[in-house]
Amino acid sequence: MAKMLESIGDRMLAVLVPKARAGACPCRPGDTFYQYRCVAHLQQRRKCTDKCDCSYTCGAWQNTFTIC
């Protein structure tokens, strides 16, 4: 009887408590962000994507045609 109540309690908790990702990496693989820099008084940006090992990959720098 105790095992059955424990099992029911575990199932109820599984429904109520949100699931979390396991692992030590605080980043979320697949999330994107932009990096910015100023070159010759023009702002440039590039899109970067997080990877599972807490590193990221970025595309090519592109002009935003904004003066900085």
C-alpha atoms as a PDB file:
ATOM      1  CA  MET A   1       0.000   0.000   0.000  1.00  0.00           C
ATOM      2  CA  ALA A   2       2.833   2.382   0.865  1.00  0.00           C
ATOM      3  CA  LYS A   3       4.571   1.659  -2.453  1.00  0.00           C
ATOM      4  CA  MET A   4       1.359   2.410  -4.356  1.00  0.00           C
ATOM      5  CA  LEU A   5       0.930   5.752  -2.547  1.00  0.00           C
ATOM      6  CA  GLU A   6       4.568   6.598  -3.211  1.00  0.00           C
ATOM      7  CA  SER A   7       4.131   5.813  -6.903  1.00  0.00           C
ATOM      8  CA  ILE A   8       0.989   7.952  -7.131  1.00  0.00           C
ATOM      9  CA  GLY A   9       2.779  10.792  -5.332  1.00  0.00           C
ATOM     10  CA  ASP A  10       5.712  10.573  -7.741  1.00  0.00           C
ATOM     11  CA  ARG A  11       3.387  10.756 -10.736  1.00  0.00           C
ATOM     12  CA  MET A  12       1.553  13.766  -9.291  1.00  0.00           C
ATOM     13  CA  LEU A  13       4.847  15.564  -8.697  1.00  0.00           C
ATOM     14  CA  ALA A  14       5.966  14.818 -12.246  1.00  0.00           C
ATOM     15  CA  VAL A  15       2.857  16.573 -13.538  1.00  0.00           C
ATOM     16  CA  LEU A  16       3.139  19.608 -11.243  1.00  0.00           C
ATOM     17  CA  VAL A  17       6.878  20.287 -11.315  1.00  0.00           C
ATOM     18  CA  PRO A  18       8.273  21.637 -14.614  1.00  0.00           C
ATOM     19  CA  LYS A  19      10.958  19.566 -16.275  1.00  0.00           C
ATOM     20  CA  ALA A  20      14.469  21.012 -16.298  1.00  0.00           C
ATOM     21  CA  ARG A  21      17.382  20.350 -18.586  1.00  0.00           C
ATOM     22  CA  ALA A  22      20.152  18.280 -17.075  1.00  0.00           C
ATOM     23  CA  GLY A  23      23.734  19.417 -17.299  1.00  0.00           C
ATOM     24  CA  ALA A  24      26.049  22.106 -16.068  1.00  0.00           C
ATOM     25  CA  CYS A  25      25.807  24.302 -19.142  1.00  0.00           C
ATOM     26  CA  PRO A  26      23.771  27.478 -18.476  1.00  0.00           C
ATOM     27  CA  CYS A  27      23.390  28.207 -22.194  1.00  0.00           C
ATOM     28  CA  ARG A  28      20.606  26.826 -24.324  1.00  0.00           C
ATOM     29  CA  PRO A  29      21.800  25.167 -27.534  1.00  0.00           C
ATOM     30  CA  GLY A  30      20.198  26.731 -30.577  1.00  0.00           C
ATOM     31  CA  ASP A  31      19.578  30.153 -28.987  1.00  0.00           C
ATOM     32  CA  THR A  32      20.854  33.032 -31.092  1.00  0.00           C
ATOM     33  CA  PHE A  33      22.303  36.420 -30.233  1.00  0.00           C
ATOM     34  CA  TYR A  34      24.143  39.205 -32.051  1.00  0.00           C
ATOM     35  CA  GLN A  35      27.679  40.519 -31.576  1.00  0.00           C
ATOM     36  CA  TYR A  36      28.432  44.116 -32.513  1.00  0.00           C
ATOM     37  CA  ARG A  37      31.603  46.005 -33.359  1.00  0.00           C
ATOM     38  CA  CYS A  38      32.574  49.382 -34.756  1.00  0.00           C
ATOM     39  CA  VAL A  39      34.843  49.524 -37.824  1.00  0.00           C
ATOM     40  CA  ALA A  40      35.757  52.843 -39.457  1.00  0.00           C
ATOM     41  CA  HIS A  41      32.849  54.541 -37.624  1.00  0.00           C
ATOM     42  CA  LEU A  42      30.313  52.049 -39.015  1.00  0.00           C
ATOM     43  CA  GLN A  43      28.557  49.490 -36.850  1.00  0.00           C
ATOM     44  CA  GLN A  44      28.741  45.843 -37.897  1.00  0.00           C
ATOM     45  CA  ARG A  45      26.947  42.842 -36.448  1.00  0.00           C
ATOM     46  CA  ARG A  46      26.960  39.086 -36.819  1.00  0.00           C
ATOM     47  CA  LYS A  47      24.525  36.413 -35.689  1.00  0.00           C
ATOM     48  CA  CYS A  48      25.839  33.764 -33.287  1.00  0.00           C
ATOM     49  CA  THR A  49      24.293  30.458 -32.190  1.00  0.00           C
ATOM     50  CA  ASP A  50      24.924  28.655 -28.891  1.00  0.00           C
ATOM     51  CA  LYS A  51      26.204  25.064 -29.013  1.00  0.00           C
ATOM     52  CA  CYS A  52      25.853  22.230 -26.482  1.00  0.00           C
ATOM     53  CA  ASP A  53      29.404  22.575 -25.137  1.00  0.00           C
ATOM     54  CA  CYS A  54      28.769  26.205 -24.050  1.00  0.00           C
ATOM     55  CA  SER A  55      30.623  27.572 -27.061  1.00  0.00           C
ATOM     56  CA  TYR A  56      29.065  29.347 -30.011  1.00  0.00           C
ATOM     57  CA  THR A  57      29.464  29.768 -33.747  1.00  0.00           C
ATOM     58  CA  CYS A  58      29.022  33.035 -35.605  1.00  0.00           C
ATOM     59  CA  GLY A  59      28.336  34.073 -39.162  1.00  0.00           C
ATOM     60  CA  ALA A  60      30.056  36.785 -41.170  1.00  0.00           C
ATOM     61  CA  TRP A  61      30.141  40.414 -40.066  1.00  0.00           C
ATOM     62  CA  GLN A  62      27.577  42.599 -41.857  1.00  0.00           C
ATOM     63  CA  ASN A  63      27.239  46.384 -42.001  1.00  0.00           C
ATOM     64  CA  THR A  64      24.203  47.843 -40.239  1.00  0.00           C
ATOM     65  CA  PHE A  65      24.840  51.253 -41.875  1.00  0.00           C
ATOM     66  CA  THR A  66      24.705  52.896 -38.434  1.00  0.00           C
ATOM     67  CA  ILE A  67      27.365  55.422 -37.471  1.00  0.00           C
ATOM     68  CA  CYS A  68      29.220  54.663 -34.252  1.00  0.00           C
END
